[in-house]
Amino acid sequence: MLIEFVILVPLLFSALIMSVEMSVYAMRHMFLDR
């Protein structure tokens, strides 16, 4: 389980960071459009 944890946690964390970045980008773009 430790090996799986070490491999998967960075992938999941980077996906979380990308989703936050995309959400903020989409919100900024919506406000600019408005």
Full PDB file with SEQRES, HELIX, SHEET, SSBOND, CRYST1, ORIGX, SCALE, CONECT and MASTER records, all heavy atoms in Angstrom:
SEQRES   1 A   34  MET LEU ILE GLU PHE VAL ILE LEU VAL PRO LEU LEU PHE          
SEQRES   2 A   34  SER ALA LEU ILE MET SER VAL GLU MET SER VAL TYR ALA          
SEQRES   3 A   34  MET ARG HIS MET PHE LEU ASP ARG                              
HELIX    1 AA1 LEU A    2  ASP A   33  1                                  32    
CRYST1    1.000    1.000    1.000  90.00  90.00  90.00 P 1           1          
ORIGX1      1.000000  0.000000  0.000000        0.00000                         
ORIGX2      0.000000  1.000000  0.000000        0.00000                         
ORIGX3      0.000000  0.000000  1.000000        0.00000                         
SCALE1      1.000000  0.000000  0.000000        0.00000                         
SCALE2      0.000000  1.000000  0.000000        0.00000                         
SCALE3      0.000000  0.000000  1.000000        0.00000                         
ATOM      1  N   MET A   1       0.826  -1.207   0.000  1.00  0.00           N  
ATOM      2  CA  MET A   1       0.000   0.000   0.000  1.00  0.00           C  
ATOM      3  C   MET A   1       0.857   1.253   0.000  1.00  0.00           C  
ATOM      4  O   MET A   1       0.483   2.267  -0.569  1.00  0.00           O  
ATOM      5  CB  MET A   1      -0.938   0.008   1.206  1.00  0.00           C  
ATOM      6  CG  MET A   1      -1.999  -1.067   1.154  1.00  0.00           C  
ATOM      7  SD  MET A   1      -3.078  -0.891  -0.276  1.00  0.00           S  
ATOM      8  CE  MET A   1      -4.023   0.514   0.222  1.00  0.00           C  
ATOM      9  N   LEU A   2       2.013   1.208   0.629  1.00  0.00           N  
ATOM     10  CA  LEU A   2       2.894   2.365   0.669  1.00  0.00           C  
ATOM     11  C   LEU A   2       3.389   2.722  -0.720  1.00  0.00           C  
ATOM     12  O   LEU A   2       3.421   3.897  -1.087  1.00  0.00           O  
ATOM     13  CB  LEU A   2       4.075   2.101   1.610  1.00  0.00           C  
ATOM     14  CG  LEU A   2       5.100   3.227   1.712  1.00  0.00           C  
ATOM     15  CD1 LEU A   2       4.436   4.438   2.361  1.00  0.00           C  
ATOM     16  CD2 LEU A   2       6.298   2.782   2.502  1.00  0.00           C  
ATOM     17  N   ILE A   3       3.730   1.737  -1.515  1.00  0.00           N  
ATOM     18  CA  ILE A   3       4.202   1.987  -2.880  1.00  0.00           C  
ATOM     19  C   ILE A   3       3.090   2.603  -3.712  1.00  0.00           C  
ATOM     20  O   ILE A   3       3.305   3.586  -4.439  1.00  0.00           O  
ATOM     21  CB  ILE A   3       4.726   0.676  -3.516  1.00  0.00           C  
ATOM     22  CG1 ILE A   3       5.995   0.229  -2.784  1.00  0.00           C  
ATOM     23  CG2 ILE A   3       5.019   0.882  -4.996  1.00  0.00           C  
ATOM     24  CD1 ILE A   3       6.457  -1.160  -3.156  1.00  0.00           C  
ATOM     25  N   GLU A   4       1.885   2.082  -3.626  1.00  0.00           N  
ATOM     26  CA  GLU A   4       0.747   2.668  -4.345  1.00  0.00           C  
ATOM     27  C   GLU A   4       0.483   4.099  -3.886  1.00  0.00           C  
ATOM     28  O   GLU A   4       0.198   4.976  -4.697  1.00  0.00           O  
ATOM     29  CB  GLU A   4      -0.500   1.815  -4.142  1.00  0.00           C  
ATOM     30  CG  GLU A   4      -0.443   0.485  -4.838  1.00  0.00           C  
ATOM     31  CD  GLU A   4      -1.667  -0.353  -4.543  1.00  0.00           C  
ATOM     32  OE1 GLU A   4      -2.582   0.121  -3.837  1.00  0.00           O  
ATOM     33  OE2 GLU A   4      -1.709  -1.496  -5.026  1.00  0.00           O  
ATOM     34  N   PHE A   5       0.578   4.335  -2.599  1.00  0.00           N  
ATOM     35  CA  PHE A   5       0.366   5.667  -2.048  1.00  0.00           C  
ATOM     36  C   PHE A   5       1.396   6.648  -2.605  1.00  0.00           C  
ATOM     37  O   PHE A   5       1.044   7.743  -3.040  1.00  0.00           O  
ATOM     38  CB  PHE A   5       0.450   5.603  -0.517  1.00  0.00           C  
ATOM     39  CG  PHE A   5       0.255   6.919   0.158  1.00  0.00           C  
ATOM     40  CD1 PHE A   5      -1.012   7.427   0.347  1.00  0.00           C  
ATOM     41  CD2 PHE A   5       1.347   7.656   0.599  1.00  0.00           C  
ATOM     42  CE1 PHE A   5      -1.201   8.643   0.977  1.00  0.00           C  
ATOM     43  CE2 PHE A   5       1.172   8.873   1.222  1.00  0.00           C  
ATOM     44  CZ  PHE A   5      -0.100   9.372   1.417  1.00  0.00           C  
ATOM     45  N   VAL A   6       2.648   6.250  -2.626  1.00  0.00           N  
ATOM     46  CA  VAL A   6       3.722   7.127  -3.110  1.00  0.00           C  
ATOM     47  C   VAL A   6       3.548   7.434  -4.590  1.00  0.00           C  
ATOM     48  O   VAL A   6       3.848   8.529  -5.044  1.00  0.00           O  
ATOM     49  CB  VAL A   6       5.103   6.484  -2.832  1.00  0.00           C  
ATOM     50  CG1 VAL A   6       6.214   7.204  -3.554  1.00  0.00           C  
ATOM     51  CG2 VAL A   6       5.373   6.448  -1.336  1.00  0.00           C  
ATOM     52  N   ILE A   7       3.027   6.502  -5.349  1.00  0.00           N  
ATOM     53  CA  ILE A   7       2.831   6.726  -6.782  1.00  0.00           C  
ATOM     54  C   ILE A   7       1.573   7.544  -7.059  1.00  0.00           C  
ATOM     55  O   ILE A   7       1.585   8.465  -7.873  1.00  0.00           O  
ATOM     56  CB  ILE A   7       2.773   5.377  -7.533  1.00  0.00           C  
ATOM     57  CG1 ILE A   7       4.154   4.723  -7.495  1.00  0.00           C  
ATOM     58  CG2 ILE A   7       2.331   5.573  -8.979  1.00  0.00           C  
ATOM     59  CD1 ILE A   7       4.171   3.306  -8.016  1.00  0.00           C  
ATOM     60  N   LEU A   8       0.477   7.242  -6.390  1.00  0.00           N  
ATOM     61  CA  LEU A   8      -0.806   7.854  -6.712  1.00  0.00           C  
ATOM     62  C   LEU A   8      -1.038   9.230  -6.095  1.00  0.00           C  
ATOM     63  O   LEU A   8      -1.714  10.063  -6.705  1.00  0.00           O  
ATOM     64  CB  LEU A   8      -1.945   6.916  -6.320  1.00  0.00           C  
ATOM     65  CG  LEU A   8      -2.061   5.653  -7.161  1.00  0.00           C  
ATOM     66  CD1 LEU A   8      -3.192   4.793  -6.651  1.00  0.00           C  
ATOM     67  CD2 LEU A   8      -2.269   6.006  -8.619  1.00  0.00           C  
ATOM     68  N   VAL A   9      -0.512   9.499  -4.916  1.00  0.00           N  
ATOM     69  CA  VAL A   9      -0.792  10.784  -4.265  1.00  0.00           C  
ATOM     70  C   VAL A   9      -0.274  11.977  -5.079  1.00  0.00           C  
ATOM     71  O   VAL A   9      -1.002  12.958  -5.254  1.00  0.00           O  
ATOM     72  CB  VAL A   9      -0.269  10.793  -2.816  1.00  0.00           C  
ATOM     73  CG1 VAL A   9      -0.193  12.197  -2.253  1.00  0.00           C  
ATOM     74  CG2 VAL A   9      -1.174   9.938  -1.956  1.00  0.00           C  
ATOM     75  N   PRO A  10       0.947  11.947  -5.622  1.00  0.00           N  
ATOM     76  CA  PRO A  10       1.362  13.088  -6.450  1.00  0.00           C  
ATOM     77  C   PRO A  10       0.486  13.279  -7.684  1.00  0.00           C  
ATOM     78  O   PRO A  10       0.203  14.420  -8.079  1.00  0.00           O  
ATOM     79  CB  PRO A  10       2.804  12.747  -6.848  1.00  0.00           C  
ATOM     80  CG  PRO A  10       3.273  11.814  -5.805  1.00  0.00           C  
ATOM     81  CD  PRO A  10       2.066  11.028  -5.391  1.00  0.00           C  
ATOM     82  N   LEU A  11       0.025  12.184  -8.285  1.00  0.00           N  
ATOM     83  CA  LEU A  11      -0.861  12.308  -9.440  1.00  0.00           C  
ATOM     84  C   LEU A  11      -2.194  12.938  -9.055  1.00  0.00           C  
ATOM     85  O   LEU A  11      -2.709  13.815  -9.748  1.00  0.00           O  
ATOM     86  CB  LEU A  11      -1.086  10.940 -10.077  1.00  0.00           C  
ATOM     87  CG  LEU A  11       0.136  10.287 -10.727  1.00  0.00           C  
ATOM     88  CD1 LEU A  11      -0.203   8.879 -11.176  1.00  0.00           C  
ATOM     89  CD2 LEU A  11       0.629  11.119 -11.880  1.00  0.00           C  
ATOM     90  N   LEU A  12      -2.759  12.488  -7.962  1.00  0.00           N  
ATOM     91  CA  LEU A  12      -4.030  13.047  -7.502  1.00  0.00           C  
ATOM     92  C   LEU A  12      -3.883  14.504  -7.081  1.00  0.00           C  
ATOM     93  O   LEU A  12      -4.752  15.337  -7.352  1.00  0.00           O  
ATOM     94  CB  LEU A  12      -4.593  12.206  -6.353  1.00  0.00           C  
ATOM     95  CG  LEU A  12      -5.045  10.799  -6.720  1.00  0.00           C  
ATOM     96  CD1 LEU A  12      -5.426  10.016  -5.477  1.00  0.00           C  
ATOM     97  CD2 LEU A  12      -6.191  10.859  -7.698  1.00  0.00           C  
ATOM     98  N   PHE A  13      -2.774  14.824  -6.439  1.00  0.00           N  
ATOM     99  CA  PHE A  13      -2.534  16.204  -6.005  1.00  0.00           C  
ATOM    100  C   PHE A  13      -2.350  17.126  -7.205  1.00  0.00           C  
ATOM    101  O   PHE A  13      -2.875  18.241  -7.219  1.00  0.00           O  
ATOM    102  CB  PHE A  13      -1.314  16.257  -5.082  1.00  0.00           C  
ATOM    103  CG  PHE A  13      -1.135  17.574  -4.415  1.00  0.00           C  
ATOM    104  CD1 PHE A  13      -2.039  18.020  -3.467  1.00  0.00           C  
ATOM    105  CD2 PHE A  13      -0.072  18.400  -4.747  1.00  0.00           C  
ATOM    106  CE1 PHE A  13      -1.887  19.245  -2.845  1.00  0.00           C  
ATOM    107  CE2 PHE A  13       0.091  19.630  -4.142  1.00  0.00           C  
ATOM    108  CZ  PHE A  13      -0.813  20.047  -3.190  1.00  0.00           C  
ATOM    109  N   SER A  14      -1.645  16.670  -8.237  1.00  0.00           N  
ATOM    110  CA  SER A  14      -1.478  17.509  -9.429  1.00  0.00           C  
ATOM    111  C   SER A  14      -2.810  17.684 -10.159  1.00  0.00           C  
ATOM    112  O   SER A  14      -3.089  18.756 -10.700  1.00  0.00           O  
ATOM    113  CB  SER A  14      -0.411  16.940 -10.354  1.00  0.00           C  
ATOM    114  OG  SER A  14      -0.780  15.678 -10.827  1.00  0.00           O  
ATOM    115  N   ALA A  15      -3.657  16.655 -10.167  1.00  0.00           N  
ATOM    116  CA  ALA A  15      -4.991  16.794 -10.767  1.00  0.00           C  
ATOM    117  C   ALA A  15      -5.829  17.803  -9.990  1.00  0.00           C  
ATOM    118  O   ALA A  15      -6.574  18.595 -10.574  1.00  0.00           O  
ATOM    119  CB  ALA A  15      -5.694  15.445 -10.817  1.00  0.00           C  
ATOM    120  N   LEU A  16      -5.694  17.806  -8.673  1.00  0.00           N  
ATOM    121  CA  LEU A  16      -6.406  18.783  -7.851  1.00  0.00           C  
ATOM    122  C   LEU A  16      -5.931  20.198  -8.161  1.00  0.00           C  
ATOM    123  O   LEU A  16      -6.745  21.118  -8.333  1.00  0.00           O  
ATOM    124  CB  LEU A  16      -6.195  18.474  -6.369  1.00  0.00           C  
ATOM    125  CG  LEU A  16      -6.752  19.508  -5.396  1.00  0.00           C  
ATOM    126  CD1 LEU A  16      -8.264  19.452  -5.389  1.00  0.00           C  
ATOM    127  CD2 LEU A  16      -6.186  19.307  -4.014  1.00  0.00           C  
ATOM    128  N   ILE A  17      -4.630  20.389  -8.271  1.00  0.00           N  
ATOM    129  CA  ILE A  17      -4.080  21.718  -8.580  1.00  0.00           C  
ATOM    130  C   ILE A  17      -4.557  22.186  -9.954  1.00  0.00           C  
ATOM    131  O   ILE A  17      -4.947  23.345 -10.129  1.00  0.00           O  
ATOM    132  CB  ILE A  17      -2.545  21.687  -8.498  1.00  0.00           C  
ATOM    133  CG1 ILE A  17      -2.106  21.615  -7.038  1.00  0.00           C  
ATOM    134  CG2 ILE A  17      -1.926  22.911  -9.160  1.00  0.00           C  
ATOM    135  CD1 ILE A  17      -0.616  21.465  -6.853  1.00  0.00           C  
ATOM    136  N   MET A  18      -4.543  21.286 -10.942  1.00  0.00           N  
ATOM    137  CA  MET A  18      -5.000  21.662 -12.281  1.00  0.00           C  
ATOM    138  C   MET A  18      -6.491  22.009 -12.291  1.00  0.00           C  
ATOM    139  O   MET A  18      -6.912  22.926 -12.987  1.00  0.00           O  
ATOM    140  CB  MET A  18      -4.706  20.552 -13.284  1.00  0.00           C  
ATOM    141  CG  MET A  18      -3.251  20.486 -13.669  1.00  0.00           C  
ATOM    142  SD  MET A  18      -2.908  19.459 -15.091  1.00  0.00           S  
ATOM    143  CE  MET A  18      -3.280  17.836 -14.482  1.00  0.00           C  
ATOM    144  N   SER A  19      -7.290  21.283 -11.514  1.00  0.00           N  
ATOM    145  CA  SER A  19      -8.722  21.590 -11.494  1.00  0.00           C  
ATOM    146  C   SER A  19      -8.993  22.936 -10.822  1.00  0.00           C  
ATOM    147  O   SER A  19      -9.874  23.681 -11.258  1.00  0.00           O  
ATOM    148  CB  SER A  19      -9.502  20.472 -10.804  1.00  0.00           C  
ATOM    149  OG  SER A  19      -9.184  20.400  -9.434  1.00  0.00           O  
ATOM    150  N   VAL A  20      -8.234  23.269  -9.796  1.00  0.00           N  
ATOM    151  CA  VAL A  20      -8.382  24.587  -9.164  1.00  0.00           C  
ATOM    152  C   VAL A  20      -7.975  25.681 -10.143  1.00  0.00           C  
ATOM    153  O   VAL A  20      -8.669  26.691 -10.289  1.00  0.00           O  
ATOM    154  CB  VAL A  20      -7.548  24.664  -7.858  1.00  0.00           C  
ATOM    155  CG1 VAL A  20      -7.458  26.086  -7.348  1.00  0.00           C  
ATOM    156  CG2 VAL A  20      -8.140  23.753  -6.799  1.00  0.00           C  
ATOM    157  N   GLU A  21      -6.862  25.499 -10.845  1.00  0.00           N  
ATOM    158  CA  GLU A  21      -6.399  26.482 -11.829  1.00  0.00           C  
ATOM    159  C   GLU A  21      -7.429  26.670 -12.936  1.00  0.00           C  
ATOM    160  O   GLU A  21      -7.738  27.793 -13.333  1.00  0.00           O  
ATOM    161  CB  GLU A  21      -5.059  26.039 -12.416  1.00  0.00           C  
ATOM    162  CG  GLU A  21      -4.429  27.044 -13.349  1.00  0.00           C  
ATOM    163  CD  GLU A  21      -3.759  28.184 -12.627  1.00  0.00           C  
ATOM    164  OE1 GLU A  21      -2.923  27.924 -11.758  1.00  0.00           O  
ATOM    165  OE2 GLU A  21      -4.076  29.348 -12.944  1.00  0.00           O  
ATOM    166  N   MET A  22      -7.980  25.581 -13.443  1.00  0.00           N  
ATOM    167  CA  MET A  22      -8.982  25.669 -14.504  1.00  0.00           C  
ATOM    168  C   MET A  22     -10.260  26.331 -14.012  1.00  0.00           C  
ATOM    169  O   MET A  22     -10.882  27.105 -14.742  1.00  0.00           O  
ATOM    170  CB  MET A  22      -9.286  24.267 -15.045  1.00  0.00           C  
ATOM    171  CG  MET A  22     -10.169  24.268 -16.243  1.00  0.00           C  
ATOM    172  SD  MET A  22      -9.368  25.144 -17.587  1.00  0.00           S  
ATOM    173  CE  MET A  22     -10.749  25.445 -18.637  1.00  0.00           C  
ATOM    174  N   SER A  23     -10.643  26.072 -12.789  1.00  0.00           N  
ATOM    175  CA  SER A  23     -11.845  26.695 -12.224  1.00  0.00           C  
ATOM    176  C   SER A  23     -11.669  28.206 -12.103  1.00  0.00           C  
ATOM    177  O   SER A  23     -12.572  28.976 -12.448  1.00  0.00           O  
ATOM    178  CB  SER A  23     -12.152  26.108 -10.846  1.00  0.00           C  
ATOM    179  OG  SER A  23     -12.392  24.744 -10.937  1.00  0.00           O  
ATOM    180  N   VAL A  24     -10.517  28.636 -11.631  1.00  0.00           N  
ATOM    181  CA  VAL A  24     -10.260  30.071 -11.494  1.00  0.00           C  
ATOM    182  C   VAL A  24     -10.186  30.720 -12.869  1.00  0.00           C  
ATOM    183  O   VAL A  24     -10.705  31.815 -13.083  1.00  0.00           O  
ATOM    184  CB  VAL A  24      -8.978  30.324 -10.672  1.00  0.00           C  
ATOM    185  CG1 VAL A  24      -8.577  31.773 -10.702  1.00  0.00           C  
ATOM    186  CG2 VAL A  24      -9.178  29.865  -9.237  1.00  0.00           C  
ATOM    187  N   TYR A  25      -9.567  30.043 -13.838  1.00  0.00           N  
ATOM    188  CA  TYR A  25      -9.499  30.567 -15.203  1.00  0.00           C  
ATOM    189  C   TYR A  25     -10.905  30.727 -15.781  1.00  0.00           C  
ATOM    190  O   TYR A  25     -11.231  31.757 -16.372  1.00  0.00           O  
ATOM    191  CB  TYR A  25      -8.663  29.631 -16.080  1.00  0.00           C  
ATOM    192  CG  TYR A  25      -8.554  30.080 -17.515  1.00  0.00           C  
ATOM    193  CD1 TYR A  25      -7.574  30.993 -17.896  1.00  0.00           C  
ATOM    194  CD2 TYR A  25      -9.426  29.611 -18.490  1.00  0.00           C  
ATOM    195  CE1 TYR A  25      -7.470  31.414 -19.198  1.00  0.00           C  
ATOM    196  CE2 TYR A  25      -9.331  30.028 -19.798  1.00  0.00           C  
ATOM    197  CZ  TYR A  25      -8.348  30.924 -20.156  1.00  0.00           C  
ATOM    198  OH  TYR A  25      -8.252  31.354 -21.457  1.00  0.00           O  
ATOM    199  N   ALA A  26     -11.744  29.715 -15.613  1.00  0.00           N  
ATOM    200  CA  ALA A  26     -13.112  29.773 -16.136  1.00  0.00           C  
ATOM    201  C   ALA A  26     -13.914  30.882 -15.462  1.00  0.00           C  
ATOM    202  O   ALA A  26     -14.705  31.572 -16.111  1.00  0.00           O  
ATOM    203  CB  ALA A  26     -13.798  28.423 -15.942  1.00  0.00           C  
ATOM    204  N   MET A  27     -13.699  31.074 -14.164  1.00  0.00           N  
ATOM    205  CA  MET A  27     -14.417  32.129 -13.452  1.00  0.00           C  
ATOM    206  C   MET A  27     -13.957  33.508 -13.940  1.00  0.00           C  
ATOM    207  O   MET A  27     -14.783  34.398 -14.167  1.00  0.00           O  
ATOM    208  CB  MET A  27     -14.184  31.985 -11.946  1.00  0.00           C  
ATOM    209  CG  MET A  27     -15.116  32.824 -11.122  1.00  0.00           C  
ATOM    210  SD  MET A  27     -15.117  32.399  -9.374  1.00  0.00           S  
ATOM    211  CE  MET A  27     -13.428  32.572  -8.918  1.00  0.00           C  
ATOM    212  N   ARG A  28     -12.659  33.693 -14.130  1.00  0.00           N  
ATOM    213  CA  ARG A  28     -12.153  34.969 -14.654  1.00  0.00           C  
ATOM    214  C   ARG A  28     -12.712  35.237 -16.039  1.00  0.00           C  
ATOM    215  O   ARG A  28     -13.090  36.362 -16.366  1.00  0.00           O  
ATOM    216  CB  ARG A  28     -10.631  34.940 -14.717  1.00  0.00           C  
ATOM    217  CG  ARG A  28      -9.959  35.088 -13.394  1.00  0.00           C  
ATOM    218  CD  ARG A  28      -8.459  34.994 -13.552  1.00  0.00           C  
ATOM    219  NE  ARG A  28      -7.792  35.221 -12.284  1.00  0.00           N  
ATOM    220  CZ  ARG A  28      -6.608  34.745 -11.976  1.00  0.00           C  
ATOM    221  NH1 ARG A  28      -5.939  34.024 -12.854  1.00  0.00           N  
ATOM    222  NH2 ARG A  28      -6.078  34.999 -10.809  1.00  0.00           N  
ATOM    223  N   HIS A  29     -12.748  34.200 -16.867  1.00  0.00           N  
ATOM    224  CA  HIS A  29     -13.249  34.377 -18.228  1.00  0.00           C  
ATOM    225  C   HIS A  29     -14.735  34.709 -18.225  1.00  0.00           C  
ATOM    226  O   HIS A  29     -15.196  35.540 -19.019  1.00  0.00           O  
ATOM    227  CB  HIS A  29     -12.990  33.116 -19.050  1.00  0.00           C  
ATOM    228  CG  HIS A  29     -12.942  33.375 -20.512  1.00  0.00           C  
ATOM    229  ND1 HIS A  29     -14.075  33.518 -21.263  1.00  0.00           N  
ATOM    230  CD2 HIS A  29     -11.900  33.546 -21.353  1.00  0.00           C  
ATOM    231  CE1 HIS A  29     -13.744  33.756 -22.517  1.00  0.00           C  
ATOM    232  NE2 HIS A  29     -12.423  33.781 -22.595  1.00  0.00           N  
ATOM    233  N   MET A  30     -15.493  34.094 -17.328  1.00  0.00           N  
ATOM    234  CA  MET A  30     -16.916  34.402 -17.218  1.00  0.00           C  
ATOM    235  C   MET A  30     -17.127  35.865 -16.809  1.00  0.00           C  
ATOM    236  O   MET A  30     -17.982  36.548 -17.357  1.00  0.00           O  
ATOM    237  CB  MET A  30     -17.581  33.469 -16.197  1.00  0.00           C  
ATOM    238  CG  MET A  30     -19.065  33.660 -16.129  1.00  0.00           C  
ATOM    239  SD  MET A  30     -19.853  33.803 -14.512  1.00  0.00           S  
ATOM    240  CE  MET A  30     -18.665  34.058 -13.328  1.00  0.00           C  
ATOM    241  N   PHE A  31     -16.319  36.341 -15.860  1.00  0.00           N  
ATOM    242  CA  PHE A  31     -16.449  37.727 -15.439  1.00  0.00           C  
ATOM    243  C   PHE A  31     -16.046  38.697 -16.554  1.00  0.00           C  
ATOM    244  O   PHE A  31     -16.667  39.746 -16.723  1.00  0.00           O  
ATOM    245  CB  PHE A  31     -15.620  37.998 -14.178  1.00  0.00           C  
ATOM    246  CG  PHE A  31     -16.301  37.590 -12.912  1.00  0.00           C  
ATOM    247  CD1 PHE A  31     -15.837  36.520 -12.173  1.00  0.00           C  
ATOM    248  CD2 PHE A  31     -17.417  38.272 -12.449  1.00  0.00           C  
ATOM    249  CE1 PHE A  31     -16.465  36.137 -11.006  1.00  0.00           C  
ATOM    250  CE2 PHE A  31     -18.061  37.898 -11.282  1.00  0.00           C  
ATOM    251  CZ  PHE A  31     -17.582  36.822 -10.558  1.00  0.00           C  
ATOM    252  N   LEU A  32     -15.017  38.363 -17.323  1.00  0.00           N  
ATOM    253  CA  LEU A  32     -14.632  39.210 -18.454  1.00  0.00           C  
ATOM    254  C   LEU A  32     -15.750  39.238 -19.490  1.00  0.00           C  
ATOM    255  O   LEU A  32     -16.100  40.312 -20.005  1.00  0.00           O  
ATOM    256  CB  LEU A  32     -13.329  38.709 -19.083  1.00  0.00           C  
ATOM    257  CG  LEU A  32     -12.853  39.467 -20.321  1.00  0.00           C  
ATOM    258  CD1 LEU A  32     -12.540  40.920 -19.976  1.00  0.00           C  
ATOM    259  CD2 LEU A  32     -11.635  38.786 -20.917  1.00  0.00           C  
ATOM    260  N   ASP A  33     -16.334  38.077 -19.805  1.00  0.00           N  
ATOM    261  CA  ASP A  33     -17.456  38.023 -20.747  1.00  0.00           C  
ATOM    262  C   ASP A  33     -18.636  38.856 -20.261  1.00  0.00           C  
ATOM    263  O   ASP A  33     -19.259  39.582 -21.035  1.00  0.00           O  
ATOM    264  CB  ASP A  33     -17.919  36.580 -20.947  1.00  0.00           C  
ATOM    265  CG  ASP A  33     -16.993  35.777 -21.834  1.00  0.00           C  
ATOM    266  OD1 ASP A  33     -16.171  36.378 -22.550  1.00  0.00           O  
ATOM    267  OD2 ASP A  33     -17.082  34.531 -21.790  1.00  0.00           O  
ATOM    268  N   ARG A  34     -18.920  38.761 -18.977  1.00  0.00           N  
ATOM    269  CA  ARG A  34     -20.042  39.530 -18.405  1.00  0.00           C  
ATOM    270  C   ARG A  34     -19.786  41.024 -18.521  1.00  0.00           C  
ATOM    271  O   ARG A  34     -20.655  41.785 -18.939  1.00  0.00           O  
ATOM    272  CB  ARG A  34     -20.256  39.151 -16.946  1.00  0.00           C  
ATOM    273  CG  ARG A  34     -21.377  39.932 -16.286  1.00  0.00           C  
ATOM    274  CD  ARG A  34     -21.503  39.573 -14.807  1.00  0.00           C  
ATOM    275  NE  ARG A  34     -22.603  40.261 -14.196  1.00  0.00           N  
ATOM    276  CZ  ARG A  34     -22.535  41.497 -13.694  1.00  0.00           C  
ATOM    277  NH1 ARG A  34     -21.408  42.166 -13.742  1.00  0.00           N  
ATOM    278  NH2 ARG A  34     -23.592  42.064 -13.145  1.00  0.00           N  
TER     279      ARG A  34                                                      
MASTER        0    0    0    1    0    0    0    6  278    1    0    3          
END                                                                             
